[in-house]
């Protein structure tokens, strides 16, 4: 499936990444694979959850930095 262009498509499809099904809660599923690995490489079914957690972390850090810089 790697590099196959179907009729009506311009961009070749890539093969899907390895996927591991986890039978646990979202928190333990994310922590079992690591937050960054699950969010960026989508290694299990909790990739979207991990991406939202990563978004909240980055928004919090950005907000704190903007507040600190506005004080000086």
N, C-alpha and C. Protein backbone atom coordinates (compact mmCIF):
# COMPACT_ATOMS: atom_id res chain seq x y z
N UNK A 1 0.82 -1.18 0.00
CA UNK A 1 0.00 0.00 0.00
C UNK A 1 0.88 1.25 0.00
N UNK A 2 2.12 1.11 0.21
CA UNK A 2 3.02 2.25 0.27
C UNK A 2 3.21 2.86 -1.11
N UNK A 3 2.86 4.13 -1.26
CA UNK A 3 3.05 4.83 -2.52
C UNK A 3 1.99 4.56 -3.57
N UNK A 4 0.86 3.99 -3.19
CA UNK A 4 -0.19 3.67 -4.15
C UNK A 4 -1.07 4.90 -4.35
N UNK A 5 -1.29 5.27 -5.62
CA UNK A 5 -2.17 6.38 -5.95
C UNK A 5 -3.43 5.80 -6.57
N UNK A 6 -4.56 6.02 -5.92
CA UNK A 6 -5.83 5.51 -6.43
C UNK A 6 -6.44 6.52 -7.39
N UNK A 7 -7.40 6.07 -8.17
CA UNK A 7 -8.05 6.94 -9.14
C UNK A 7 -8.76 8.09 -8.44
N UNK A 8 -8.52 9.30 -8.90
CA UNK A 8 -9.13 10.49 -8.32
C UNK A 8 -8.32 11.09 -7.18
N UNK A 9 -7.21 10.47 -6.83
CA UNK A 9 -6.36 10.98 -5.76
C UNK A 9 -5.04 11.45 -6.33
N UNK A 10 -4.49 12.50 -5.76
CA UNK A 10 -3.21 13.02 -6.24
C UNK A 10 -2.05 12.67 -5.32
N UNK A 11 -2.35 12.47 -4.04
CA UNK A 11 -1.30 12.19 -3.06
C UNK A 11 -1.25 10.70 -2.78
N UNK A 12 -0.07 10.09 -2.89
CA UNK A 12 0.01 8.65 -2.60
C UNK A 12 -0.24 8.37 -1.12
N UNK A 13 -0.90 7.27 -0.84
CA UNK A 13 -1.18 6.88 0.53
C UNK A 13 0.04 6.18 1.12
N UNK A 14 0.21 6.35 2.44
CA UNK A 14 1.28 5.63 3.12
C UNK A 14 0.64 4.51 3.94
N UNK A 15 1.44 3.54 4.27
CA UNK A 15 0.91 2.43 5.06
C UNK A 15 0.64 2.92 6.48
N UNK A 16 -0.40 2.39 7.13
CA UNK A 16 -0.73 2.85 8.48
C UNK A 16 0.35 2.44 9.48
N UNK A 17 0.53 3.22 10.54
CA UNK A 17 1.55 2.88 11.54
C UNK A 17 1.14 1.67 12.37
N UNK A 18 2.10 1.12 13.09
CA UNK A 18 1.79 0.02 14.02
C UNK A 18 0.82 0.54 15.07
N UNK A 19 -0.18 -0.26 15.39
CA UNK A 19 -1.22 0.16 16.32
C UNK A 19 -1.37 -0.90 17.39
N UNK A 20 -1.38 -0.48 18.65
CA UNK A 20 -1.49 -1.41 19.76
C UNK A 20 -2.79 -1.13 20.51
N UNK A 21 -3.67 -2.11 20.57
CA UNK A 21 -4.94 -1.96 21.29
C UNK A 21 -4.68 -2.11 22.79
N UNK A 22 -5.15 -1.15 23.59
CA UNK A 22 -4.93 -1.16 25.04
C UNK A 22 -6.27 -1.33 25.73
N UNK A 23 -6.36 -2.29 26.64
CA UNK A 23 -7.61 -2.54 27.37
C UNK A 23 -7.53 -1.94 28.77
N UNK A 24 -7.38 -0.63 28.85
CA UNK A 24 -7.33 0.04 30.15
C UNK A 24 -7.91 1.44 30.00
N UNK A 25 -7.82 2.22 31.06
CA UNK A 25 -8.37 3.57 31.02
C UNK A 25 -7.50 4.47 30.14
N UNK A 26 -8.01 5.65 29.84
CA UNK A 26 -7.29 6.58 28.96
C UNK A 26 -5.97 7.01 29.59
N UNK A 27 -5.98 7.30 30.88
CA UNK A 27 -4.77 7.77 31.56
C UNK A 27 -3.69 6.69 31.53
N UNK A 28 -4.05 5.47 31.91
CA UNK A 28 -3.04 4.41 31.92
C UNK A 28 -2.63 4.01 30.50
N UNK A 29 -3.54 4.14 29.55
CA UNK A 29 -3.19 3.87 28.16
C UNK A 29 -2.19 4.87 27.61
N UNK A 30 -2.36 6.13 27.98
CA UNK A 30 -1.42 7.17 27.54
C UNK A 30 -0.08 6.99 28.23
N UNK A 31 -0.10 6.72 29.52
CA UNK A 31 1.16 6.58 30.27
C UNK A 31 1.92 5.31 29.90
N UNK A 32 1.21 4.28 29.46
CA UNK A 32 1.91 3.03 29.09
C UNK A 32 2.78 3.22 27.86
N UNK A 33 2.35 4.07 26.95
CA UNK A 33 3.13 4.31 25.74
C UNK A 33 3.95 5.58 25.79
N UNK A 34 3.72 6.41 26.79
CA UNK A 34 4.40 7.70 26.89
C UNK A 34 3.57 8.77 26.20
N UNK A 35 3.43 9.92 26.85
CA UNK A 35 2.56 10.98 26.35
C UNK A 35 2.96 11.45 24.95
N UNK A 36 4.23 11.74 24.74
CA UNK A 36 4.66 12.24 23.44
C UNK A 36 4.54 11.19 22.34
N UNK A 37 4.89 9.96 22.66
CA UNK A 37 4.83 8.91 21.65
C UNK A 37 3.39 8.62 21.22
N UNK A 38 2.49 8.58 22.21
CA UNK A 38 1.07 8.33 21.89
C UNK A 38 0.49 9.50 21.12
N UNK A 39 0.83 10.73 21.51
CA UNK A 39 0.28 11.91 20.85
C UNK A 39 0.82 12.09 19.44
N UNK A 40 2.12 11.94 19.27
CA UNK A 40 2.74 12.24 17.98
C UNK A 40 2.71 11.06 17.00
N UNK A 41 2.91 9.85 17.52
CA UNK A 41 2.99 8.68 16.63
C UNK A 41 1.71 7.86 16.60
N UNK A 42 0.74 8.20 17.47
CA UNK A 42 -0.56 7.54 17.51
C UNK A 42 -0.40 6.03 17.66
N UNK A 43 0.30 5.61 18.72
CA UNK A 43 0.62 4.19 18.90
C UNK A 43 -0.55 3.37 19.43
N UNK A 44 -1.54 4.01 20.06
CA UNK A 44 -2.72 3.28 20.49
C UNK A 44 -3.96 4.15 20.30
N UNK A 45 -5.10 3.66 20.77
CA UNK A 45 -6.36 4.35 20.47
C UNK A 45 -6.54 5.66 21.25
N UNK A 46 -5.61 6.00 22.13
CA UNK A 46 -5.73 7.21 22.92
C UNK A 46 -4.92 8.37 22.36
N UNK A 47 -4.57 8.33 21.09
CA UNK A 47 -3.82 9.41 20.45
C UNK A 47 -4.51 10.76 20.53
N UNK A 48 -5.80 10.85 20.20
CA UNK A 48 -6.49 12.15 20.30
C UNK A 48 -6.55 12.68 21.73
N UNK A 49 -6.72 11.79 22.71
CA UNK A 49 -6.74 12.22 24.11
C UNK A 49 -5.38 12.79 24.51
N UNK A 50 -4.33 12.10 24.10
CA UNK A 50 -2.98 12.55 24.42
C UNK A 50 -2.68 13.89 23.75
N UNK A 51 -3.18 14.08 22.55
CA UNK A 51 -2.95 15.34 21.84
C UNK A 51 -3.65 16.49 22.55
N UNK A 52 -4.84 16.26 23.10
CA UNK A 52 -5.55 17.31 23.83
C UNK A 52 -4.82 17.63 25.13
N UNK A 53 -4.30 16.61 25.82
CA UNK A 53 -3.52 16.86 27.04
C UNK A 53 -2.27 17.66 26.70
N UNK A 54 -1.61 17.31 25.61
CA UNK A 54 -0.42 18.04 25.18
C UNK A 54 -0.78 19.50 24.83
N UNK A 55 -1.91 19.71 24.21
CA UNK A 55 -2.38 21.05 23.89
C UNK A 55 -2.61 21.87 25.16
N UNK A 56 -3.23 21.28 26.17
CA UNK A 56 -3.48 21.98 27.43
C UNK A 56 -2.17 22.33 28.12
N UNK A 57 -1.22 21.41 28.11
CA UNK A 57 0.09 21.68 28.72
C UNK A 57 0.78 22.83 28.01
N UNK A 58 0.79 22.81 26.69
CA UNK A 58 1.46 23.87 25.93
C UNK A 58 0.75 25.20 26.11
N UNK A 59 -0.57 25.22 26.16
CA UNK A 59 -1.31 26.47 26.37
C UNK A 59 -1.04 27.04 27.77
N UNK A 60 -0.93 26.16 28.76
CA UNK A 60 -0.63 26.61 30.12
C UNK A 60 0.77 27.21 30.20
N UNK A 61 1.74 26.54 29.62
CA UNK A 61 3.11 27.05 29.62
C UNK A 61 3.18 28.39 28.89
N UNK A 62 2.53 28.49 27.75
CA UNK A 62 2.52 29.73 26.99
C UNK A 62 1.86 30.86 27.78
N UNK A 63 0.74 30.58 28.44
CA UNK A 63 0.07 31.58 29.26
C UNK A 63 0.93 32.07 30.42
N UNK A 64 1.62 31.13 31.08
CA UNK A 64 2.49 31.50 32.18
C UNK A 64 3.64 32.37 31.68
N UNK A 65 4.25 31.99 30.58
CA UNK A 65 5.35 32.78 30.02
C UNK A 65 4.90 34.18 29.62
N UNK A 66 3.74 34.30 28.99
CA UNK A 66 3.23 35.61 28.62
C UNK A 66 2.95 36.48 29.84
N UNK A 67 2.43 35.88 30.90
CA UNK A 67 2.17 36.63 32.12
C UNK A 67 3.47 37.10 32.76
N UNK A 68 4.47 36.20 32.81
CA UNK A 68 5.76 36.57 33.40
C UNK A 68 6.41 37.68 32.60
N UNK A 69 6.38 37.60 31.27
CA UNK A 69 6.99 38.64 30.43
C UNK A 69 6.25 39.97 30.53
N UNK A 70 4.96 39.94 30.81
CA UNK A 70 4.21 41.19 30.93
C UNK A 70 4.50 41.91 32.24
N UNK A 71 5.06 41.20 33.21
CA UNK A 71 5.38 41.83 34.50
C UNK A 71 6.68 42.62 34.45
N UNK A 72 7.50 42.38 33.47
CA UNK A 72 8.81 43.05 33.39
C UNK A 72 8.84 44.12 32.34
